[in-house]
């Protein structure tokens, strides 16, 4: 599976409050592999790993990854992480 955009993965990680090490453990890969996805050094992974990454950051299947044989859409809506304050 091919990662749509490393920035999108990073944004969803921030929203989920998950770091590289924890995401690696949940996805069954190393922290270094997650780092390589985030920096663009790696652009793809096995479908089971992609599924676990999407599950760990709580997004629907196909949000972050597309099958390798499909072109990657560049006009993906980008998520701007915001921090919400607890209501008082």
PDB file of N, CA and C in Angstrom:
ATOM      1  N   UNK A   1       0.845  -1.167   0.000  1.00  0.00           N
ATOM      2  CA  UNK A   1       0.000   0.000   0.000  1.00  0.00           C
ATOM      3  C   UNK A   1       0.899   1.241   0.000  1.00  0.00           C
ATOM      4  N   UNK A   2       0.442   2.259  -0.715  1.00  0.00           N
ATOM      5  CA  UNK A   2       1.225   3.488  -0.846  1.00  0.00           C
ATOM      6  C   UNK A   2       0.612   4.586   0.027  1.00  0.00           C
ATOM      7  N   UNK A   3       1.476   5.261   0.788  1.00  0.00           N
ATOM      8  CA  UNK A   3       1.053   6.358   1.650  1.00  0.00           C
ATOM      9  C   UNK A   3       0.684   7.558   0.785  1.00  0.00           C
ATOM     10  N   UNK A   4      -0.497   8.115   1.019  1.00  0.00           N
ATOM     11  CA  UNK A   4      -0.950   9.278   0.235  1.00  0.00           C
ATOM     12  C   UNK A   4      -0.037  10.479   0.454  1.00  0.00           C
ATOM     13  N   UNK A   5       0.214  10.816   1.716  1.00  0.00           N
ATOM     14  CA  UNK A   5       0.983  12.015   2.034  1.00  0.00           C
ATOM     15  C   UNK A   5       1.527  11.883   3.453  1.00  0.00           C
ATOM     16  N   UNK A   6       2.845  11.974   3.624  1.00  0.00           N
ATOM     17  CA  UNK A   6       3.413  11.866   4.973  1.00  0.00           C
ATOM     18  C   UNK A   6       2.862  12.918   5.935  1.00  0.00           C
ATOM     19  N   UNK A   7       2.556  14.112   5.427  1.00  0.00           N
ATOM     20  CA  UNK A   7       2.024  15.175   6.287  1.00  0.00           C
ATOM     21  C   UNK A   7       0.651  14.800   6.850  1.00  0.00           C
ATOM     22  N   UNK A   8      -0.113  14.073   6.068  1.00  0.00           N
ATOM     23  CA  UNK A   8      -1.434  13.633   6.514  1.00  0.00           C
ATOM     24  C   UNK A   8      -1.290  12.617   7.657  1.00  0.00           C
ATOM     25  N   UNK A   9      -0.357  11.686   7.517  1.00  0.00           N
ATOM     26  CA  UNK A   9      -0.100  10.720   8.587  1.00  0.00           C
ATOM     27  C   UNK A   9       0.330  11.448   9.853  1.00  0.00           C
ATOM     28  N   UNK A  10       1.226  12.402   9.722  1.00  0.00           N
ATOM     29  CA  UNK A  10       1.709  13.155  10.882  1.00  0.00           C
ATOM     30  C   UNK A  10       0.561  13.900  11.565  1.00  0.00           C
ATOM     31  N   UNK A  11      -0.319  14.507  10.771  1.00  0.00           N
ATOM     32  CA  UNK A  11      -1.449  15.246  11.339  1.00  0.00           C
ATOM     33  C   UNK A  11      -2.373  14.318  12.122  1.00  0.00           C
ATOM     34  N   UNK A  12      -2.667  13.154  11.561  1.00  0.00           N
ATOM     35  CA  UNK A  12      -3.538  12.215  12.265  1.00  0.00           C
ATOM     36  C   UNK A  12      -2.863  11.641  13.503  1.00  0.00           C
ATOM     37  N   UNK A  13      -1.553  11.466  13.467  1.00  0.00           N
ATOM     38  CA  UNK A  13      -0.842  11.018  14.668  1.00  0.00           C
ATOM     39  C   UNK A  13      -0.977  12.054  15.771  1.00  0.00           C
ATOM     40  N   UNK A  14      -0.840  13.324  15.409  1.00  0.00           N
ATOM     41  CA  UNK A  14      -0.966  14.392  16.406  1.00  0.00           C
ATOM     42  C   UNK A  14      -2.380  14.421  16.984  1.00  0.00           C
ATOM     43  N   UNK A  15      -3.375  14.284  16.126  1.00  0.00           N
ATOM     44  CA  UNK A  15      -4.761  14.293  16.598  1.00  0.00           C
ATOM     45  C   UNK A  15      -5.046  13.124  17.536  1.00  0.00           C
ATOM     46  N   UNK A  16      -4.442  11.978  17.244  1.00  0.00           N
ATOM     47  CA  UNK A  16      -4.658  10.793  18.069  1.00  0.00           C
ATOM     48  C   UNK A  16      -3.763  10.790  19.311  1.00  0.00           C
ATOM     49  N   UNK A  17      -2.810  11.716  19.367  1.00  0.00           N
ATOM     50  CA  UNK A  17      -1.895  11.762  20.508  1.00  0.00           C
ATOM     51  C   UNK A  17      -0.986  10.553  20.581  1.00  0.00           C
ATOM     52  N   UNK A  18      -0.498  10.122  19.419  1.00  0.00           N
ATOM     53  CA  UNK A  18       0.321   8.916  19.346  1.00  0.00           C
ATOM     54  C   UNK A  18       1.686   9.260  18.748  1.00  0.00           C
ATOM     55  N   UNK A  19       2.744   8.734  19.364  1.00  0.00           N
ATOM     56  CA  UNK A  19       4.086   9.008  18.840  1.00  0.00           C
ATOM     57  C   UNK A  19       4.551   7.865  17.935  1.00  0.00           C
ATOM     58  N   UNK A  20       5.735   8.034  17.356  1.00  0.00           N
ATOM     59  CA  UNK A  20       6.254   7.053  16.396  1.00  0.00           C
ATOM     60  C   UNK A  20       6.442   5.677  17.021  1.00  0.00           C
ATOM     61  N   UNK A  21       6.963   5.633  18.220  1.00  0.00           N
ATOM     62  CA  UNK A  21       7.224   4.345  18.867  1.00  0.00           C
ATOM     63  C   UNK A  21       5.924   3.593  19.137  1.00  0.00           C
ATOM     64  N   UNK A  22       4.937   4.296  19.681  1.00  0.00           N
ATOM     65  CA  UNK A  22       3.666   3.648  19.993  1.00  0.00           C
ATOM     66  C   UNK A  22       2.961   3.197  18.718  1.00  0.00           C
ATOM     67  N   UNK A  23       3.002   4.038  17.667  1.00  0.00           N
ATOM     68  CA  UNK A  23       2.376   3.654  16.408  1.00  0.00           C
ATOM     69  C   UNK A  23       3.066   2.423  15.824  1.00  0.00           C
ATOM     70  N   UNK A  24       4.385   2.380  15.904  1.00  0.00           N
ATOM     71  CA  UNK A  24       5.120   1.214  15.428  1.00  0.00           C
ATOM     72  C   UNK A  24       4.705  -0.057  16.150  1.00  0.00           C
ATOM     73  N   UNK A  25       4.577   0.029  17.466  1.00  0.00           N
ATOM     74  CA  UNK A  25       4.155  -1.147  18.247  1.00  0.00           C
ATOM     75  C   UNK A  25       2.754  -1.589  17.843  1.00  0.00           C
ATOM     76  N   UNK A  26       1.838  -0.643  17.707  1.00  0.00           N
ATOM     77  CA  UNK A  26       0.456  -0.994  17.346  1.00  0.00           C
ATOM     78  C   UNK A  26       0.347  -1.529  15.925  1.00  0.00           C
ATOM     79  N   UNK A  27       1.234  -1.059  15.047  1.00  0.00           N
ATOM     80  CA  UNK A  27       1.166  -1.485  13.640  1.00  0.00           C
ATOM     81  C   UNK A  27       2.008  -2.724  13.369  1.00  0.00           C
ATOM     82  N   UNK A  28       2.802  -3.147  14.336  1.00  0.00           N
ATOM     83  CA  UNK A  28       3.632  -4.329  14.135  1.00  0.00           C
ATOM     84  C   UNK A  28       4.879  -4.050  13.309  1.00  0.00           C
ATOM     85  N   UNK A  29       5.408  -2.827  13.447  1.00  0.00           N
ATOM     86  CA  UNK A  29       6.645  -2.463  12.742  1.00  0.00           C
ATOM     87  C   UNK A  29       7.491  -1.621  13.697  1.00  0.00           C
ATOM     88  N   UNK A  30       8.614  -1.171  13.235  1.00  0.00           N
ATOM     89  CA  UNK A  30       9.514  -0.423  14.111  1.00  0.00           C
ATOM     90  C   UNK A  30       9.221   1.077  14.089  1.00  0.00           C
ATOM     91  N   UNK A  31       9.702   1.752  15.123  1.00  0.00           N
ATOM     92  CA  UNK A  31       9.621   3.204  15.169  1.00  0.00           C
ATOM     93  C   UNK A  31      10.373   3.803  13.989  1.00  0.00           C
ATOM     94  N   UNK A  32      11.486   3.170  13.626  1.00  0.00           N
ATOM     95  CA  UNK A  32      12.286   3.662  12.508  1.00  0.00           C
ATOM     96  C   UNK A  32      11.503   3.604  11.202  1.00  0.00           C
ATOM     97  N   UNK A  33      10.700   2.555  11.022  1.00  0.00           N
ATOM     98  CA  UNK A  33       9.902   2.453   9.803  1.00  0.00           C
ATOM     99  C   UNK A  33       8.855   3.568   9.755  1.00  0.00           C
ATOM    100  N   UNK A  34       8.217   3.855  10.883  1.00  0.00           N
ATOM    101  CA  UNK A  34       7.253   4.954  10.941  1.00  0.00           C
ATOM    102  C   UNK A  34       7.961   6.265  10.612  1.00  0.00           C
ATOM    103  N   UNK A  35       9.151   6.452  11.162  1.00  0.00           N
ATOM    104  CA  UNK A  35       9.943   7.656  10.863  1.00  0.00           C
ATOM    105  C   UNK A  35      10.217   7.769   9.361  1.00  0.00           C
ATOM    106  N   UNK A  36      10.557   6.660   8.737  1.00  0.00           N
ATOM    107  CA  UNK A  36      10.830   6.683   7.297  1.00  0.00           C
ATOM    108  C   UNK A  36       9.574   7.028   6.497  1.00  0.00           C
ATOM    109  N   UNK A  37       8.413   6.570   6.937  1.00  0.00           N
ATOM    110  CA  UNK A  37       7.161   6.958   6.279  1.00  0.00           C
ATOM    111  C   UNK A  37       6.925   8.458   6.431  1.00  0.00           C
ATOM    112  N   UNK A  38       7.179   8.988   7.616  1.00  0.00           N
ATOM    113  CA  UNK A  38       6.940  10.400   7.884  1.00  0.00           C
ATOM    114  C   UNK A  38       7.892  11.318   7.132  1.00  0.00           C
ATOM    115  N   UNK A  39       9.101  10.849   6.881  1.00  0.00           N
ATOM    116  CA  UNK A  39      10.086  11.679   6.168  1.00  0.00           C
ATOM    117  C   UNK A  39      10.039  11.478   4.658  1.00  0.00           C
ATOM    118  N   UNK A  40       9.284  10.494   4.206  1.00  0.00           N
ATOM    119  CA  UNK A  40       9.213  10.231   2.770  1.00  0.00           C
ATOM    120  C   UNK A  40      10.284   9.278   2.266  1.00  0.00           C
ATOM    121  N   UNK A  41      11.145   8.820   3.181  1.00  0.00           N
ATOM    122  CA  UNK A  41      12.179   7.855   2.786  1.00  0.00           C
ATOM    123  C   UNK A  41      11.538   6.559   2.307  1.00  0.00           C
ATOM    124  N   UNK A  42      10.445   6.170   2.954  1.00  0.00           N
ATOM    125  CA  UNK A  42       9.618   5.033   2.520  1.00  0.00           C
ATOM    126  C   UNK A  42       8.256   5.585   2.150  1.00  0.00           C
ATOM    127  N   UNK A  43       7.669   5.032   1.094  1.00  0.00           N
ATOM    128  CA  UNK A  43       6.365   5.506   0.645  1.00  0.00           C
ATOM    129  C   UNK A  43       5.304   4.415   0.674  1.00  0.00           C
ATOM    130  N   UNK A  44       5.706   3.176   0.989  1.00  0.00           N
ATOM    131  CA  UNK A  44       4.724   2.101   0.952  1.00  0.00           C
ATOM    132  C   UNK A  44       5.012   1.067   2.030  1.00  0.00           C
ATOM    133  N   UNK A  45       3.997   0.218   2.252  1.00  0.00           N
ATOM    134  CA  UNK A  45       4.124  -0.864   3.221  1.00  0.00           C
ATOM    135  C   UNK A  45       3.114  -1.946   2.869  1.00  0.00           C
ATOM    136  N   UNK A  46       3.199  -3.061   3.577  1.00  0.00           N
ATOM    137  CA  UNK A  46       2.241  -4.145   3.352  1.00  0.00           C
ATOM    138  C   UNK A  46       0.846  -3.681   3.756  1.00  0.00           C
ATOM    139  N   UNK A  47      -0.154  -4.294   3.179  1.00  0.00           N
ATOM    140  CA  UNK A  47      -1.537  -3.878   3.454  1.00  0.00           C
ATOM    141  C   UNK A  47      -1.931  -4.105   4.910  1.00  0.00           C
ATOM    142  N   UNK A  48      -1.426  -5.163   5.549  1.00  0.00           N
ATOM    143  CA  UNK A  48      -1.780  -5.396   6.947  1.00  0.00           C
ATOM    144  C   UNK A  48      -1.199  -4.314   7.853  1.00  0.00           C
ATOM    145  N   UNK A  49      -0.005  -3.851   7.540  1.00  0.00           N
ATOM    146  CA  UNK A  49       0.606  -2.770   8.320  1.00  0.00           C
ATOM    147  C   UNK A  49      -0.166  -1.475   8.096  1.00  0.00           C
ATOM    148  N   UNK A  50      -0.520  -1.196   6.845  1.00  0.00           N
ATOM    149  CA  UNK A  50      -1.310   0.005   6.533  1.00  0.00           C
ATOM    150  C   UNK A  50      -2.637  -0.010   7.287  1.00  0.00           C
ATOM    151  N   UNK A  51      -3.293  -1.156   7.323  1.00  0.00           N
ATOM    152  CA  UNK A  51      -4.566  -1.283   8.044  1.00  0.00           C
ATOM    153  C   UNK A  51      -4.388  -0.991   9.527  1.00  0.00           C
ATOM    154  N   UNK A  52      -3.326  -1.519  10.115  1.00  0.00           N
ATOM    155  CA  UNK A  52      -3.095  -1.308  11.552  1.00  0.00           C
ATOM    156  C   UNK A  52      -2.714   0.142  11.857  1.00  0.00           C
ATOM    157  N   UNK A  53      -1.985   0.789  10.939  1.00  0.00           N
ATOM    158  CA  UNK A  53      -1.645   2.207  11.121  1.00  0.00           C
ATOM    159  C   UNK A  53      -2.922   3.040  11.105  1.00  0.00           C
ATOM    160  N   UNK A  54      -3.785   2.802  10.119  1.00  0.00           N
ATOM    161  CA  UNK A  54      -5.034   3.559  10.031  1.00  0.00           C
ATOM    162  C   UNK A  54      -5.919   3.301  11.255  1.00  0.00           C
ATOM    163  N   UNK A  55      -5.951   2.081  11.714  1.00  0.00           N
ATOM    164  CA  UNK A  55      -6.729   1.747  12.910  1.00  0.00           C
ATOM    165  C   UNK A  55      -6.175   2.460  14.143  1.00  0.00           C
ATOM    166  N   UNK A  56      -4.849   2.485  14.265  1.00  0.00           N
ATOM    167  CA  UNK A  56      -4.214   3.091  15.439  1.00  0.00           C
ATOM    168  C   UNK A  56      -4.456   4.596  15.518  1.00  0.00           C
ATOM    169  N   UNK A  57      -4.518   5.264  14.364  1.00  0.00           N
ATOM    170  CA  UNK A  57      -4.757   6.717  14.383  1.00  0.00           C
ATOM    171  C   UNK A  57      -6.234   7.049  14.190  1.00  0.00           C
ATOM    172  N   UNK A  58      -7.066   5.995  14.193  1.00  0.00           N
ATOM    173  CA  UNK A  58      -8.526   6.123  14.182  1.00  0.00           C
ATOM    174  C   UNK A  58      -9.073   6.808  12.935  1.00  0.00           C
ATOM    175  N   UNK A  59      -8.657   6.308  11.759  1.00  0.00           N
ATOM    176  CA  UNK A  59      -9.233   6.791  10.510  1.00  0.00           C
ATOM    177  C   UNK A  59      -9.787   5.615   9.715  1.00  0.00           C
ATOM    178  N   UNK A  60     -10.689   5.916   8.800  1.00  0.00           N
ATOM    179  CA  UNK A  60     -11.266   4.857   7.972  1.00  0.00           C
ATOM    180  C   UNK A  60     -10.216   4.284   7.030  1.00  0.00           C
ATOM    181  N   UNK A  61     -10.405   3.031   6.707  1.00  0.00           N
ATOM    182  CA  UNK A  61      -9.524   2.354   5.770  1.00  0.00           C
ATOM    183  C   UNK A  61      -9.513   3.109   4.442  1.00  0.00           C
ATOM    184  N   UNK A  62      -8.328   3.323   3.899  1.00  0.00           N
ATOM    185  CA  UNK A  62      -8.194   4.039   2.633  1.00  0.00           C
ATOM    186  C   UNK A  62      -7.953   5.524   2.790  1.00  0.00           C
ATOM    187  N   UNK A  63      -7.966   6.015   4.025  1.00  0.00           N
ATOM    188  CA  UNK A  63      -7.732   7.439   4.260  1.00  0.00           C
ATOM    189  C   UNK A  63      -6.270   7.804   4.043  1.00  0.00           C
ATOM    190  N   UNK A  64      -5.379   6.983   4.563  1.00  0.00           N
ATOM    191  CA  UNK A  64      -3.945   7.282   4.483  1.00  0.00           C
ATOM    192  C   UNK A  64      -3.220   6.521   3.391  1.00  0.00           C
ATOM    193  N   UNK A  65      -3.716   5.345   3.045  1.00  0.00           N
ATOM    194  CA  UNK A  65      -3.017   4.475   2.101  1.00  0.00           C
ATOM    195  C   UNK A  65      -3.938   4.078   0.948  1.00  0.00           C
ATOM    196  N   UNK A  66      -3.341   3.924  -0.225  1.00  0.00           N
ATOM    197  CA  UNK A  66      -4.049   3.416  -1.405  1.00  0.00           C
ATOM    198  C   UNK A  66      -3.254   2.227  -1.937  1.00  0.00           C
ATOM    199  N   UNK A  67      -3.908   1.327  -2.660  1.00  0.00           N
ATOM    200  CA  UNK A  67      -3.158   0.217  -3.255  1.00  0.00           C
ATOM    201  C   UNK A  67      -2.023   0.743  -4.122  1.00  0.00           C
ATOM    202  N   UNK A  68      -0.911   0.047  -4.104  1.00  0.00           N
ATOM    203  CA  UNK A  68       0.290   0.489  -4.799  1.00  0.00           C
ATOM    204  C   UNK A  68       0.071   0.703  -6.290  1.00  0.00           C
ATOM    205  N   UNK A  69      -0.824  -0.073  -6.904  1.00  0.00           N
ATOM    206  CA  UNK A  69      -1.032   0.049  -8.344  1.00  0.00           C
ATOM    207  C   UNK A  69      -1.954   1.204  -8.726  1.00  0.00           C
ATOM    208  N   UNK A  70      -2.517   1.915  -7.736  1.00  0.00           N
ATOM    209  CA  UNK A  70      -3.368   3.068  -8.027  1.00  0.00           C
ATOM    210  C   UNK A  70      -2.564   4.347  -7.876  1.00  0.00           C
ATOM    211  N   UNK A  71      -2.853   5.362  -8.718  1.00  0.00           N
ATOM    212  CA  UNK A  71      -2.156   6.638  -8.561  1.00  0.00           C
ATOM    213  C   UNK A  71      -2.573   7.316  -7.262  1.00  0.00           C
ATOM    214  N   UNK A  72      -1.660   8.049  -6.671  1.00  0.00           N
ATOM    215  CA  UNK A  72      -1.935   8.761  -5.434  1.00  0.00           C
ATOM    216  C   UNK A  72      -2.550  10.104  -5.780  1.00  0.00           C
ATOM    217  N   UNK A  73      -3.715  10.400  -5.194  1.00  0.00           N
ATOM    218  CA  UNK A  73      -4.350  11.686  -5.411  1.00  0.00           C
ATOM    219  C   UNK A  73      -3.619  12.738  -4.601  1.00  0.00           C
ATOM    220  N   UNK A  74      -3.274  13.831  -5.237  1.00  0.00           N
ATOM    221  CA  UNK A  74      -2.579  14.914  -4.536  1.00  0.00           C
ATOM    222  C   UNK A  74      -3.543  15.947  -3.963  1.00  0.00           C
ATOM    223  N   UNK A  75      -4.791  15.903  -4.356  1.00  0.00           N
ATOM    224  CA  UNK A  75      -5.771  16.874  -3.883  1.00  0.00           C
ATOM    225  C   UNK A  75      -6.545  16.326  -2.696  1.00  0.00           C
ATOM    226  N   UNK A  76      -5.847  15.743  -1.764  1.00  0.00           N
ATOM    227  CA  UNK A  76      -6.472  15.196  -0.567  1.00  0.00           C
ATOM    228  C   UNK A  76      -6.693  16.342   0.409  1.00  0.00           C
ATOM    229  N   UNK A  77      -7.842  16.362   1.029  1.00  0.00           N
ATOM    230  CA  UNK A  77      -8.117  17.391   2.024  1.00  0.00           C
ATOM    231  C   UNK A  77      -7.146  17.218   3.175  1.00  0.00           C
ATOM    232  N   UNK A  78      -6.417  18.270   3.476  1.00  0.00           N
ATOM    233  CA  UNK A  78      -5.440  18.198   4.564  1.00  0.00           C
ATOM    234  C   UNK A  78      -6.104  18.526   5.887  1.00  0.00           C
ATOM    235  N   UNK A  79      -5.668  17.845   6.894  1.00  0.00           N
ATOM    236  CA  UNK A  79      -6.203  18.040   8.231  1.00  0.00           C
ATOM    237  C   UNK A  79      -5.285  18.989   8.973  1.00  0.00           C
ATOM    238  N   UNK A  80      -5.852  20.014   9.527  1.00  0.00           N
ATOM    239  CA  UNK A  80      -5.070  20.932  10.346  1.00  0.00           C
ATOM    240  C   UNK A  80      -5.370  20.599  11.800  1.00  0.00           C
ATOM    241  N   UNK A  81      -4.412  19.979  12.482  1.00  0.00           N
ATOM    242  CA  UNK A  81      -4.659  19.602  13.867  1.00  0.00           C
ATOM    243  C   UNK A  81      -4.898  20.838  14.728  1.00  0.00           C
ATOM    244  N   UNK A  82      -5.889  20.772  15.554  1.00  0.00           N
ATOM    245  CA  UNK A  82      -6.152  21.856  16.486  1.00  0.00           C
ATOM    246  C   UNK A  82      -6.240  21.279  17.886  1.00  0.00           C
ATOM    247  N   UNK A  83      -5.806  22.045  18.797  1.00  0.00           N
ATOM    248  CA  UNK A  83      -5.904  21.613  20.186  1.00  0.00           C
ATOM    249  C   UNK A  83      -7.166  22.256  20.760  1.00  0.00           C
ATOM    250  N   UNK A  84      -7.979  21.441  21.329  1.00  0.00           N
ATOM    251  CA  UNK A  84      -9.203  21.982  21.926  1.00  0.00           C
ATOM    252  C   UNK A  84      -9.012  22.116  23.423  1.00  0.00           C
ATOM    253  N   UNK A  85      -9.591  23.163  23.943  1.00  0.00           N
ATOM    254  CA  UNK A  85      -9.520  23.372  25.385  1.00  0.00           C
ATOM    255  C   UNK A  85     -10.737  22.720  26.031  1.00  0.00           C
ATOM    256  N   UNK A  86     -10.545  22.128  27.172  1.00  0.00           N
ATOM    257  CA  UNK A  86     -11.694  21.546  27.857  1.00  0.00           C
ATOM    258  C   UNK A  86     -12.686  22.625  28.221  1.00  0.00           C
ATOM    259  N   UNK A  87     -13.958  22.325  28.074  1.00  0.00           N
ATOM    260  CA  UNK A  87     -14.983  23.311  28.429  1.00  0.00           C
ATOM    261  C   UNK A  87     -15.075  23.420  29.945  1.00  0.00           C
ATOM    262  N   UNK A  88     -15.287  24.616  30.364  1.00  0.00           N
ATOM    263  CA  UNK A  88     -15.327  24.883  31.815  1.00  0.00           C
ATOM    264  C   UNK A  88     -16.745  25.012  32.276  1.00  0.00           C
TER     265      UNK A  88
END
